[in-house]
Amino acid sequence: MTKRSPNTDSSAPRSIIATLLTAIILIVAVAVGSLTGVDVLDMLGLSTPVATTPAPTATLAATRAPTTAATAAPPIAVSPVLTQVASLPNGVVQFTLPQGFGAQKSFWQVFFTAPTGSRDAKTYVNGIETQLAIAINQLRRNDTLDIAAFEFNLPLLTQVVLDAHKRGVKIRMVTDTQHGLDDDDATVQQLVQAGIPVVGDIRTAFMHNKFMILNRTSVWTGSWNFTINDTYRNNNNTVVLRSQRVVERYQAEFDQMFDQKVFGPRKSASVASPFSQDGVPIEIYF
């Protein structure tokens, strides 16, 4: 068992898998930029801020899975909403949230963390995990949630996953044994104790994936580990893709790890041909 100081992630170098996953975000952003002629950095709000007057607070499009009537208590309330700050001619909408920012268009959203450098845990609220929590709260009985998490310790995500389990959402998880199942700072054991099936990789190499598949309709993926450190202390990103072809690729990856319990180079190699969604070319690598 590895013991680390509270609220800190592994200091080991991140594997190439994180880089490959993060590349998806750049692929989507560059593709949109190339199709519209808009500078990618400007499109995502990473260059000089757009000189606009912020629009009134508004809830923008969220990742929503089909729902049925809930039979359990209402999910935990999550209040922060997205505030639109610019709407570009190419249809890209830029937005902020209390601790983060991002953009969206058609089938994709991208969120970026906005670390302040604070070491005060009381300030670790209203980050990008609130948007994933809202999406999980929309899942209902017999919906599905598949989680691949290198590390997992965000209190809000832990609670909404447990609440979803109580509502009858079918949840499965794969994680890194050392940094997930056996880490004293992780909350994975809370999910295990609640009866959520969790599979560890049981090897020294990292199971470094970090993605969620919500009801086989959308994927959240990127550089962002589902941890306090990665949400409030480090620069990270996550992209939301509502595409059946994307879901199929990620579902096949998850099922190999969960059902067959094979990880890393032992997984069967799949040749993923490029495809397009709403005119945007996409390539996926694991």
C-alpha atoms as a PDB file:
ATOM      1  CA  MET A   1       0.000   0.000   0.000  1.00  0.00           C
ATOM      2  CA  THR A   2       1.299   3.437  -0.874  1.00  0.00           C
ATOM      3  CA  LYS A   3       0.613   6.328   1.495  1.00  0.00           C
ATOM      4  CA  ARG A   4       0.909   9.876   0.244  1.00  0.00           C
ATOM      5  CA  SER A   5       0.183  13.198   1.858  1.00  0.00           C
ATOM      6  CA  PRO A   6      -3.514  14.210   1.752  1.00  0.00           C
ATOM      7  CA  ASN A   7      -4.956  15.471  -1.521  1.00  0.00           C
ATOM      8  CA  THR A   8      -1.874  14.839  -3.615  1.00  0.00           C
ATOM      9  CA  ASP A   9      -1.594  12.710  -6.739  1.00  0.00           C
ATOM     10  CA  SER A  10       1.223  10.412  -7.784  1.00  0.00           C
ATOM     11  CA  SER A  11       4.438  12.259  -8.598  1.00  0.00           C
ATOM     12  CA  ALA A  12       5.459   9.529 -11.037  1.00  0.00           C
ATOM     13  CA  PRO A  13       5.813  10.680 -14.666  1.00  0.00           C
ATOM     14  CA  ARG A  14       2.581  10.485 -16.594  1.00  0.00           C
ATOM     15  CA  SER A  15       2.539   7.767 -19.200  1.00  0.00           C
ATOM     16  CA  ILE A  16       2.191   8.240 -22.924  1.00  0.00           C
ATOM     17  CA  ILE A  17      -1.460   7.211 -22.643  1.00  0.00           C
ATOM     18  CA  ALA A  18      -2.335  10.548 -21.052  1.00  0.00           C
ATOM     19  CA  THR A  19      -0.668  12.340 -23.945  1.00  0.00           C
ATOM     20  CA  LEU A  20      -2.565  10.277 -26.487  1.00  0.00           C
ATOM     21  CA  LEU A  21      -5.885  10.877 -24.764  1.00  0.00           C
ATOM     22  CA  THR A  22      -5.222  14.597 -24.501  1.00  0.00           C
ATOM     23  CA  ALA A  23      -4.465  14.659 -28.215  1.00  0.00           C
ATOM     24  CA  ILE A  24      -8.143  14.019 -28.891  1.00  0.00           C
ATOM     25  CA  ILE A  25      -8.929  17.491 -27.609  1.00  0.00           C
ATOM     26  CA  LEU A  26      -6.360  19.064 -29.896  1.00  0.00           C
ATOM     27  CA  ILE A  27      -7.638  17.003 -32.833  1.00  0.00           C
ATOM     28  CA  VAL A  28     -11.195  18.248 -32.316  1.00  0.00           C
ATOM     29  CA  ALA A  29     -10.099  21.846 -31.754  1.00  0.00           C
ATOM     30  CA  VAL A  30      -7.733  21.950 -34.723  1.00  0.00           C
ATOM     31  CA  ALA A  31     -10.322  20.293 -36.927  1.00  0.00           C
ATOM     32  CA  VAL A  32     -12.936  22.886 -36.038  1.00  0.00           C
ATOM     33  CA  GLY A  33     -10.389  25.662 -36.566  1.00  0.00           C
ATOM     34  CA  SER A  34      -9.367  24.332 -39.948  1.00  0.00           C
ATOM     35  CA  LEU A  35     -12.956  24.068 -41.085  1.00  0.00           C
ATOM     36  CA  THR A  36     -13.928  27.546 -39.964  1.00  0.00           C
ATOM     37  CA  GLY A  37     -10.737  29.556 -40.329  1.00  0.00           C
ATOM     38  CA  VAL A  38     -10.822  30.503 -36.666  1.00  0.00           C
ATOM     39  CA  ASP A  39      -7.558  30.516 -34.703  1.00  0.00           C
ATOM     40  CA  VAL A  40      -7.689  27.526 -32.299  1.00  0.00           C
ATOM     41  CA  LEU A  41      -6.238  29.352 -29.302  1.00  0.00           C
ATOM     42  CA  ASP A  42      -8.589  32.264 -29.829  1.00  0.00           C
ATOM     43  CA  MET A  43     -11.512  29.866 -30.313  1.00  0.00           C
ATOM     44  CA  LEU A  44     -10.895  28.236 -26.942  1.00  0.00           C
ATOM     45  CA  GLY A  45     -10.252  31.511 -25.143  1.00  0.00           C
ATOM     46  CA  LEU A  46      -6.563  30.833 -24.536  1.00  0.00           C
ATOM     47  CA  SER A  47      -5.244  33.977 -26.239  1.00  0.00           C
ATOM     48  CA  THR A  48      -6.249  37.583 -25.617  1.00  0.00           C
ATOM     49  CA  PRO A  49      -9.731  37.559 -24.009  1.00  0.00           C
ATOM     50  CA  VAL A  50     -12.603  38.528 -26.252  1.00  0.00           C
ATOM     51  CA  ALA A  51     -13.669  42.100 -25.554  1.00  0.00           C
ATOM     52  CA  THR A  52     -17.329  41.457 -24.927  1.00  0.00           C
ATOM     53  CA  THR A  53     -19.737  42.229 -22.162  1.00  0.00           C
ATOM     54  CA  PRO A  54     -20.522  39.003 -20.330  1.00  0.00           C
ATOM     55  CA  ALA A  55     -24.002  37.799 -21.029  1.00  0.00           C
ATOM     56  CA  PRO A  56     -26.378  37.106 -18.165  1.00  0.00           C
ATOM     57  CA  THR A  57     -25.757  33.842 -16.382  1.00  0.00           C
ATOM     58  CA  ALA A  58     -27.162  31.031 -18.489  1.00  0.00           C
ATOM     59  CA  THR A  59     -27.111  27.274 -18.355  1.00  0.00           C
ATOM     60  CA  LEU A  60     -25.601  25.998 -21.600  1.00  0.00           C
ATOM     61  CA  ALA A  61     -26.000  22.594 -23.223  1.00  0.00           C
ATOM     62  CA  ALA A  62     -25.094  19.721 -20.914  1.00  0.00           C
ATOM     63  CA  THR A  63     -24.363  16.072 -21.589  1.00  0.00           C
ATOM     64  CA  ARG A  64     -27.759  14.489 -21.077  1.00  0.00           C
ATOM     65  CA  ALA A  65     -28.560  10.832 -21.281  1.00  0.00           C
ATOM     66  CA  PRO A  66     -32.086   9.485 -21.791  1.00  0.00           C
ATOM     67  CA  THR A  67     -33.869   9.347 -18.456  1.00  0.00           C
ATOM     68  CA  THR A  68     -36.736   7.508 -16.873  1.00  0.00           C
ATOM     69  CA  ALA A  69     -38.640   8.241 -13.710  1.00  0.00           C
ATOM     70  CA  ALA A  70     -36.415   8.029 -10.645  1.00  0.00           C
ATOM     71  CA  THR A  71     -37.449   5.661  -7.905  1.00  0.00           C
ATOM     72  CA  ALA A  72     -34.956   6.840  -5.289  1.00  0.00           C
ATOM     73  CA  ALA A  73     -34.357  10.112  -3.468  1.00  0.00           C
ATOM     74  CA  PRO A  74     -33.382  13.082  -5.659  1.00  0.00           C
ATOM     75  CA  PRO A  75     -29.654  13.309  -6.441  1.00  0.00           C
ATOM     76  CA  ILE A  76     -27.395  15.731  -4.602  1.00  0.00           C
ATOM     77  CA  ALA A  77     -27.931  19.282  -5.836  1.00  0.00           C
ATOM     78  CA  VAL A  78     -25.155  20.839  -7.921  1.00  0.00           C
ATOM     79  CA  SER A  79     -25.676  24.550  -8.477  1.00  0.00           C
ATOM     80  CA  PRO A  80     -22.875  26.182 -10.517  1.00  0.00           C
ATOM     81  CA  VAL A  81     -23.944  26.989 -14.055  1.00  0.00           C
ATOM     82  CA  LEU A  82     -22.008  28.052 -17.110  1.00  0.00           C
ATOM     83  CA  THR A  83     -21.872  31.736 -18.005  1.00  0.00           C
ATOM     84  CA  GLN A  84     -21.641  32.575 -21.688  1.00  0.00           C
ATOM     85  CA  VAL A  85     -18.956  35.157 -22.422  1.00  0.00           C
ATOM     86  CA  ALA A  86     -18.815  35.085 -26.216  1.00  0.00           C
ATOM     87  CA  SER A  87     -20.553  33.590 -29.224  1.00  0.00           C
ATOM     88  CA  LEU A  88     -18.237  33.439 -32.219  1.00  0.00           C
ATOM     89  CA  PRO A  89     -19.352  33.671 -35.854  1.00  0.00           C
ATOM     90  CA  ASN A  90     -18.470  30.020 -36.470  1.00  0.00           C
ATOM     91  CA  GLY A  91     -21.000  28.888 -33.883  1.00  0.00           C
ATOM     92  CA  VAL A  92     -18.517  28.217 -31.083  1.00  0.00           C
ATOM     93  CA  VAL A  93     -19.769  29.425 -27.704  1.00  0.00           C
ATOM     94  CA  GLN A  94     -17.216  30.384 -25.047  1.00  0.00           C
ATOM     95  CA  PHE A  95     -18.169  30.146 -21.384  1.00  0.00           C
ATOM     96  CA  THR A  96     -16.815  30.358 -17.859  1.00  0.00           C
ATOM     97  CA  LEU A  97     -17.698  28.714 -14.582  1.00  0.00           C
ATOM     98  CA  PRO A  98     -16.574  29.729 -11.074  1.00  0.00           C
ATOM     99  CA  GLN A  99     -13.266  27.849 -11.382  1.00  0.00           C
ATOM    100  CA  GLY A 100     -12.816  26.975 -15.035  1.00  0.00           C
ATOM    101  CA  PHE A 101     -13.702  27.886 -18.597  1.00  0.00           C
ATOM    102  CA  GLY A 102     -14.354  26.271 -21.940  1.00  0.00           C
ATOM    103  CA  ALA A 103     -16.197  26.201 -25.247  1.00  0.00           C
ATOM    104  CA  GLN A 104     -18.789  24.160 -27.094  1.00  0.00           C
ATOM    105  CA  LYS A 105     -20.295  23.554 -30.500  1.00  0.00           C
ATOM    106  CA  SER A 106     -22.649  20.887 -31.832  1.00  0.00           C
ATOM    107  CA  PHE A 107     -21.472  17.491 -30.513  1.00  0.00           C
ATOM    108  CA  TRP A 108     -18.521  18.617 -28.362  1.00  0.00           C
ATOM    109  CA  GLN A 109     -17.697  20.594 -25.239  1.00  0.00           C
ATOM    110  CA  VAL A 110     -14.263  21.235 -23.774  1.00  0.00           C
ATOM    111  CA  PHE A 111     -13.554  22.280 -20.181  1.00  0.00           C
ATOM    112  CA  PHE A 112     -10.305  23.664 -18.746  1.00  0.00           C
ATOM    113  CA  THR A 113      -9.329  23.917 -15.086  1.00  0.00           C
ATOM    114  CA  ALA A 114      -8.289  27.311 -13.691  1.00  0.00           C
ATOM    115  CA  PRO A 115      -5.946  26.637 -10.753  1.00  0.00           C
ATOM    116  CA  THR A 116      -5.352  29.604  -8.447  1.00  0.00           C
ATOM    117  CA  GLY A 117      -2.356  28.208  -6.583  1.00  0.00           C
ATOM    118  CA  SER A 118      -4.302  28.177  -3.324  1.00  0.00           C
ATOM    119  CA  ARG A 119      -3.405  25.515  -0.746  1.00  0.00           C
ATOM    120  CA  ASP A 120      -6.628  26.196   1.170  1.00  0.00           C
ATOM    121  CA  ALA A 121      -8.907  23.195   0.716  1.00  0.00           C
ATOM    122  CA  LYS A 122     -11.950  25.386   1.454  1.00  0.00           C
ATOM    123  CA  THR A 123     -11.433  27.053  -1.947  1.00  0.00           C
ATOM    124  CA  TYR A 124     -11.611  23.743  -3.831  1.00  0.00           C
ATOM    125  CA  VAL A 125     -15.218  24.115  -4.968  1.00  0.00           C
ATOM    126  CA  ASN A 126     -17.169  24.904  -8.146  1.00  0.00           C
ATOM    127  CA  GLY A 127     -14.594  23.499 -10.555  1.00  0.00           C
ATOM    128  CA  ILE A 128     -15.121  21.565 -13.752  1.00  0.00           C
ATOM    129  CA  GLU A 129     -16.174  18.461 -11.840  1.00  0.00           C
ATOM    130  CA  THR A 130     -19.521  20.165 -11.182  1.00  0.00           C
ATOM    131  CA  GLN A 131     -20.411  19.787 -14.863  1.00  0.00           C
ATOM    132  CA  LEU A 132     -19.648  16.065 -14.856  1.00  0.00           C
ATOM    133  CA  ALA A 133     -21.626  15.752 -11.618  1.00  0.00           C
ATOM    134  CA  ILE A 134     -24.628  17.403 -13.287  1.00  0.00           C
ATOM    135  CA  ALA A 135     -24.402  14.910 -16.159  1.00  0.00           C
ATOM    136  CA  ILE A 136     -24.188  11.931 -13.778  1.00  0.00           C
ATOM    137  CA  ASN A 137     -27.173  13.287 -11.819  1.00  0.00           C
ATOM    138  CA  GLN A 138     -29.244  12.992 -14.985  1.00  0.00           C
ATOM    139  CA  LEU A 139     -28.749   9.224 -15.160  1.00  0.00           C
ATOM    140  CA  ARG A 140     -31.657   7.124 -13.966  1.00  0.00           C
ATOM    141  CA  ARG A 141     -32.442   3.500 -13.128  1.00  0.00           C
ATOM    142  CA  ASN A 142     -30.973   1.024 -15.614  1.00  0.00           C
ATOM    143  CA  ASP A 143     -28.865   3.715 -17.291  1.00  0.00           C
ATOM    144  CA  THR A 144     -25.140   2.889 -17.387  1.00  0.00           C
ATOM    145  CA  LEU A 145     -21.974   4.595 -16.196  1.00  0.00           C
ATOM    146  CA  ASP A 146     -18.549   3.127 -16.986  1.00  0.00           C
ATOM    147  CA  ILE A 147     -15.568   4.763 -15.259  1.00  0.00           C
ATOM    148  CA  ALA A 148     -11.884   4.308 -16.123  1.00  0.00           C
ATOM    149  CA  ALA A 149      -9.905   6.223 -13.495  1.00  0.00           C
ATOM    150  CA  PHE A 150      -6.192   6.189 -12.755  1.00  0.00           C
ATOM    151  CA  GLU A 151      -6.970   8.067  -9.520  1.00  0.00           C
ATOM    152  CA  PHE A 152     -10.289   9.035  -7.945  1.00  0.00           C
ATOM    153  CA  ASN A 153     -10.837  11.178  -4.850  1.00  0.00           C
ATOM    154  CA  LEU A 154     -13.064  14.169  -5.647  1.00  0.00           C
ATOM    155  CA  PRO A 155     -15.722  14.346  -2.891  1.00  0.00           C
ATOM    156  CA  LEU A 156     -18.477  15.630  -5.200  1.00  0.00           C
ATOM    157  CA  LEU A 157     -17.925  12.973  -7.875  1.00  0.00           C
ATOM    158  CA  THR A 158     -17.673  10.280  -5.218  1.00  0.00           C
ATOM    159  CA  GLN A 159     -21.029  11.336  -3.773  1.00  0.00           C
ATOM    160  CA  VAL A 160     -22.902  11.630  -7.085  1.00  0.00           C
ATOM    161  CA  VAL A 161     -21.604   8.223  -8.204  1.00  0.00           C
ATOM    162  CA  LEU A 162     -22.792   6.680  -4.929  1.00  0.00           C
ATOM    163  CA  ASP A 163     -26.149   8.435  -5.325  1.00  0.00           C
ATOM    164  CA  ALA A 164     -26.452   7.165  -8.903  1.00  0.00           C
ATOM    165  CA  HIS A 165     -25.778   3.632  -7.664  1.00  0.00           C
ATOM    166  CA  LYS A 166     -28.621   4.021  -5.142  1.00  0.00           C
ATOM    167  CA  ARG A 167     -30.939   5.160  -7.952  1.00  0.00           C
ATOM    168  CA  GLY A 168     -30.263   1.936  -9.825  1.00  0.00           C
ATOM    169  CA  VAL A 169     -27.733   3.222 -12.362  1.00  0.00           C
ATOM    170  CA  LYS A 170     -25.550   0.325 -13.536  1.00  0.00           C
ATOM    171  CA  ILE A 171     -22.009   1.430 -12.665  1.00  0.00           C
ATOM    172  CA  ARG A 172     -18.704  -0.312 -13.423  1.00  0.00           C
ATOM    173  CA  MET A 173     -15.161   0.885 -12.804  1.00  0.00           C
ATOM    174  CA  VAL A 174     -11.610   0.011 -13.796  1.00  0.00           C
ATOM    175  CA  THR A 175      -8.715   1.609 -11.972  1.00  0.00           C
ATOM    176  CA  ASP A 176      -5.012   1.417 -11.256  1.00  0.00           C
ATOM    177  CA  THR A 177      -4.553  -0.930  -8.303  1.00  0.00           C
ATOM    178  CA  GLN A 178      -1.766   1.040  -6.612  1.00  0.00           C
ATOM    179  CA  HIS A 179      -3.173   4.534  -7.142  1.00  0.00           C
ATOM    180  CA  GLY A 180      -6.867   3.659  -7.043  1.00  0.00           C
ATOM    181  CA  LEU A 181      -7.851   0.575  -5.075  1.00  0.00           C
ATOM    182  CA  ASP A 182      -4.915   0.557  -2.645  1.00  0.00           C
ATOM    183  CA  ASP A 183      -4.323   4.284  -2.193  1.00  0.00           C
ATOM    184  CA  ASP A 184      -5.373   5.614   1.209  1.00  0.00           C
ATOM    185  CA  ASP A 185      -6.154   9.013  -0.319  1.00  0.00           C
ATOM    186  CA  ALA A 186      -8.498   7.573  -2.960  1.00  0.00           C
ATOM    187  CA  THR A 187     -12.238   7.104  -2.464  1.00  0.00           C
ATOM    188  CA  VAL A 188     -12.485   3.978  -4.644  1.00  0.00           C
ATOM    189  CA  GLN A 189     -13.013   1.762  -1.604  1.00  0.00           C
ATOM    190  CA  GLN A 190     -16.188   3.717  -0.818  1.00  0.00           C
ATOM    191  CA  LEU A 191     -17.555   2.587  -4.174  1.00  0.00           C
ATOM    192  CA  VAL A 192     -16.471  -1.005  -3.509  1.00  0.00           C
ATOM    193  CA  GLN A 193     -18.158  -0.984  -0.097  1.00  0.00           C
ATOM    194  CA  ALA A 194     -21.360   0.303  -1.718  1.00  0.00           C
ATOM    195  CA  GLY A 195     -21.405  -2.717  -4.033  1.00  0.00           C
ATOM    196  CA  ILE A 196     -20.104  -1.089  -7.210  1.00  0.00           C
ATOM    197  CA  PRO A 197     -17.922  -3.584  -9.143  1.00  0.00           C
ATOM    198  CA  VAL A 198     -14.343  -2.307  -9.477  1.00  0.00           C
ATOM    199  CA  VAL A 199     -11.523  -4.028 -11.401  1.00  0.00           C
ATOM    200  CA  GLY A 200      -7.897  -3.145 -10.700  1.00  0.00           C
ATOM    201  CA  ASP A 201      -5.079  -3.712 -13.185  1.00  0.00           C
ATOM    202  CA  ILE A 202      -2.920  -5.669 -10.666  1.00  0.00           C
ATOM    203  CA  ARG A 203       0.418  -4.730 -12.255  1.00  0.00           C
ATOM    204  CA  THR A 204       3.286  -2.307 -11.694  1.00  0.00           C
ATOM    205  CA  ALA A 205       2.653  -0.293 -14.869  1.00  0.00           C
ATOM    206  CA  PHE A 206       0.002   2.427 -14.742  1.00  0.00           C
ATOM    207  CA  MET A 207      -3.604   1.970 -15.817  1.00  0.00           C
ATOM    208  CA  HIS A 208      -3.525   5.624 -16.780  1.00  0.00           C
ATOM    209  CA  ASN A 209      -6.876   6.035 -18.527  1.00  0.00           C
ATOM    210  CA  LYS A 210      -9.210   8.731 -17.310  1.00  0.00           C
ATOM    211  CA  PHE A 211     -12.592   8.657 -18.999  1.00  0.00           C
ATOM    212  CA  MET A 212     -16.272   8.055 -18.319  1.00  0.00           C
ATOM    213  CA  ILE A 213     -18.942   6.701 -20.662  1.00  0.00           C
ATOM    214  CA  LEU A 214     -22.422   7.932 -19.746  1.00  0.00           C
ATOM    215  CA  ASN A 215     -25.264   5.648 -20.798  1.00  0.00           C
ATOM    216  CA  ARG A 216     -23.444   4.751 -24.028  1.00  0.00           C
ATOM    217  CA  THR A 217     -24.296   8.193 -25.406  1.00  0.00           C
ATOM    218  CA  SER A 218     -21.320  10.401 -24.484  1.00  0.00           C
ATOM    219  CA  VAL A 219     -17.680  10.207 -23.426  1.00  0.00           C
ATOM    220  CA  TRP A 220     -15.757  12.492 -21.044  1.00  0.00           C
ATOM    221  CA  THR A 221     -12.000  12.160 -21.624  1.00  0.00           C
ATOM    222  CA  GLY A 222      -8.771  14.138 -21.521  1.00  0.00           C
ATOM    223  CA  SER A 223      -5.802  14.890 -19.299  1.00  0.00           C
ATOM    224  CA  TRP A 224      -7.965  15.366 -16.190  1.00  0.00           C
ATOM    225  CA  ASN A 225      -7.740  12.797 -13.391  1.00  0.00           C
ATOM    226  CA  PHE A 226     -10.821  12.812 -11.186  1.00  0.00           C
ATOM    227  CA  THR A 227      -8.892  14.202  -8.216  1.00  0.00           C
ATOM    228  CA  ILE A 228      -8.659  17.310  -6.059  1.00  0.00           C
ATOM    229  CA  ASN A 229      -5.113  17.919  -7.238  1.00  0.00           C
ATOM    230  CA  ASP A 230      -5.880  17.712 -10.948  1.00  0.00           C
ATOM    231  CA  THR A 231      -9.009  19.855 -10.614  1.00  0.00           C
ATOM    232  CA  TYR A 232      -7.770  22.684  -8.391  1.00  0.00           C
ATOM    233  CA  ARG A 233      -3.964  22.672  -8.483  1.00  0.00           C
ATOM    234  CA  ASN A 234      -2.990  21.610 -12.008  1.00  0.00           C
ATOM    235  CA  ASN A 235      -3.812  22.751 -15.530  1.00  0.00           C
ATOM    236  CA  ASN A 236      -5.980  20.073 -17.121  1.00  0.00           C
ATOM    237  CA  ASN A 237      -8.743  19.611 -19.651  1.00  0.00           C
ATOM    238  CA  THR A 238     -11.578  17.284 -20.485  1.00  0.00           C
ATOM    239  CA  VAL A 239     -13.545  17.005 -23.701  1.00  0.00           C
ATOM    240  CA  VAL A 240     -17.136  15.798 -23.895  1.00  0.00           C
ATOM    241  CA  LEU A 241     -17.996  13.980 -27.118  1.00  0.00           C
ATOM    242  CA  ARG A 242     -21.583  13.054 -27.938  1.00  0.00           C
ATOM    243  CA  SER A 243     -20.874  10.662 -30.791  1.00  0.00           C
ATOM    244  CA  GLN A 244     -21.881   7.036 -31.126  1.00  0.00           C
ATOM    245  CA  ARG A 245     -18.699   6.165 -33.008  1.00  0.00           C
ATOM    246  CA  VAL A 246     -16.586   7.694 -30.248  1.00  0.00           C
ATOM    247  CA  VAL A 247     -18.627   5.823 -27.641  1.00  0.00           C
ATOM    248  CA  GLU A 248     -18.105   2.537 -29.495  1.00  0.00           C
ATOM    249  CA  ARG A 249     -14.307   2.950 -29.483  1.00  0.00           C
ATOM    250  CA  TYR A 250     -14.167   3.833 -25.796  1.00  0.00           C
ATOM    251  CA  GLN A 251     -16.660   1.103 -24.887  1.00  0.00           C
ATOM    252  CA  ALA A 252     -14.507  -1.520 -26.596  1.00  0.00           C
ATOM    253  CA  GLU A 253     -11.467  -0.261 -24.662  1.00  0.00           C
ATOM    254  CA  PHE A 254     -13.337  -0.327 -21.360  1.00  0.00           C
ATOM    255  CA  ASP A 255     -14.845  -3.760 -21.915  1.00  0.00           C
ATOM    256  CA  GLN A 256     -11.444  -5.319 -22.539  1.00  0.00           C
ATOM    257  CA  MET A 257     -10.218  -4.028 -19.184  1.00  0.00           C
ATOM    258  CA  PHE A 258     -13.375  -4.772 -17.187  1.00  0.00           C
ATOM    259  CA  ASP A 259     -14.664  -8.004 -18.755  1.00  0.00           C
ATOM    260  CA  GLN A 260     -11.409  -9.599 -19.914  1.00  0.00           C
ATOM    261  CA  LYS A 261      -9.209  -8.009 -17.223  1.00  0.00           C
ATOM    262  CA  VAL A 262      -6.429  -7.254 -19.686  1.00  0.00           C
ATOM    263  CA  PHE A 263      -4.464  -4.015 -19.592  1.00  0.00           C
ATOM    264  CA  GLY A 264      -1.706  -2.215 -21.453  1.00  0.00           C
ATOM    265  CA  PRO A 265       0.053  -4.165 -24.219  1.00  0.00           C
ATOM    266  CA  ARG A 266      -1.920  -7.329 -23.373  1.00  0.00           C
ATOM    267  CA  LYS A 267      -5.044  -5.721 -24.833  1.00  0.00           C
ATOM    268  CA  SER A 268      -5.800  -6.686 -28.401  1.00  0.00           C
ATOM    269  CA  ALA A 269      -4.721  -3.992 -30.822  1.00  0.00           C
ATOM    270  CA  SER A 270      -7.514  -2.382 -32.783  1.00  0.00           C
ATOM    271  CA  VAL A 271      -7.047  -0.453 -35.986  1.00  0.00           C
ATOM    272  CA  ALA A 272      -9.155   2.659 -35.574  1.00  0.00           C
ATOM    273  CA  SER A 273      -9.936   4.265 -38.899  1.00  0.00           C
ATOM    274  CA  PRO A 274     -10.457   8.040 -38.928  1.00  0.00           C
ATOM    275  CA  PHE A 275     -14.048   9.181 -39.198  1.00  0.00           C
ATOM    276  CA  SER A 276     -16.045  12.404 -39.193  1.00  0.00           C
ATOM    277  CA  GLN A 277     -18.745  13.751 -36.894  1.00  0.00           C
ATOM    278  CA  ASP A 278     -20.695  16.799 -38.065  1.00  0.00           C
ATOM    279  CA  GLY A 279     -17.981  17.400 -40.646  1.00  0.00           C
ATOM    280  CA  VAL A 280     -15.158  17.293 -38.063  1.00  0.00           C
ATOM    281  CA  PRO A 281     -12.481  14.608 -38.664  1.00  0.00           C
ATOM    282  CA  ILE A 282     -11.659  12.526 -35.567  1.00  0.00           C
ATOM    283  CA  GLU A 283      -8.941   9.994 -34.768  1.00  0.00           C
ATOM    284  CA  ILE A 284      -8.739   8.048 -31.489  1.00  0.00           C
ATOM    285  CA  TYR A 285      -5.662   6.393 -30.027  1.00  0.00           C
ATOM    286  CA  PHE A 286      -5.095   4.384 -26.840  1.00  0.00           C
END
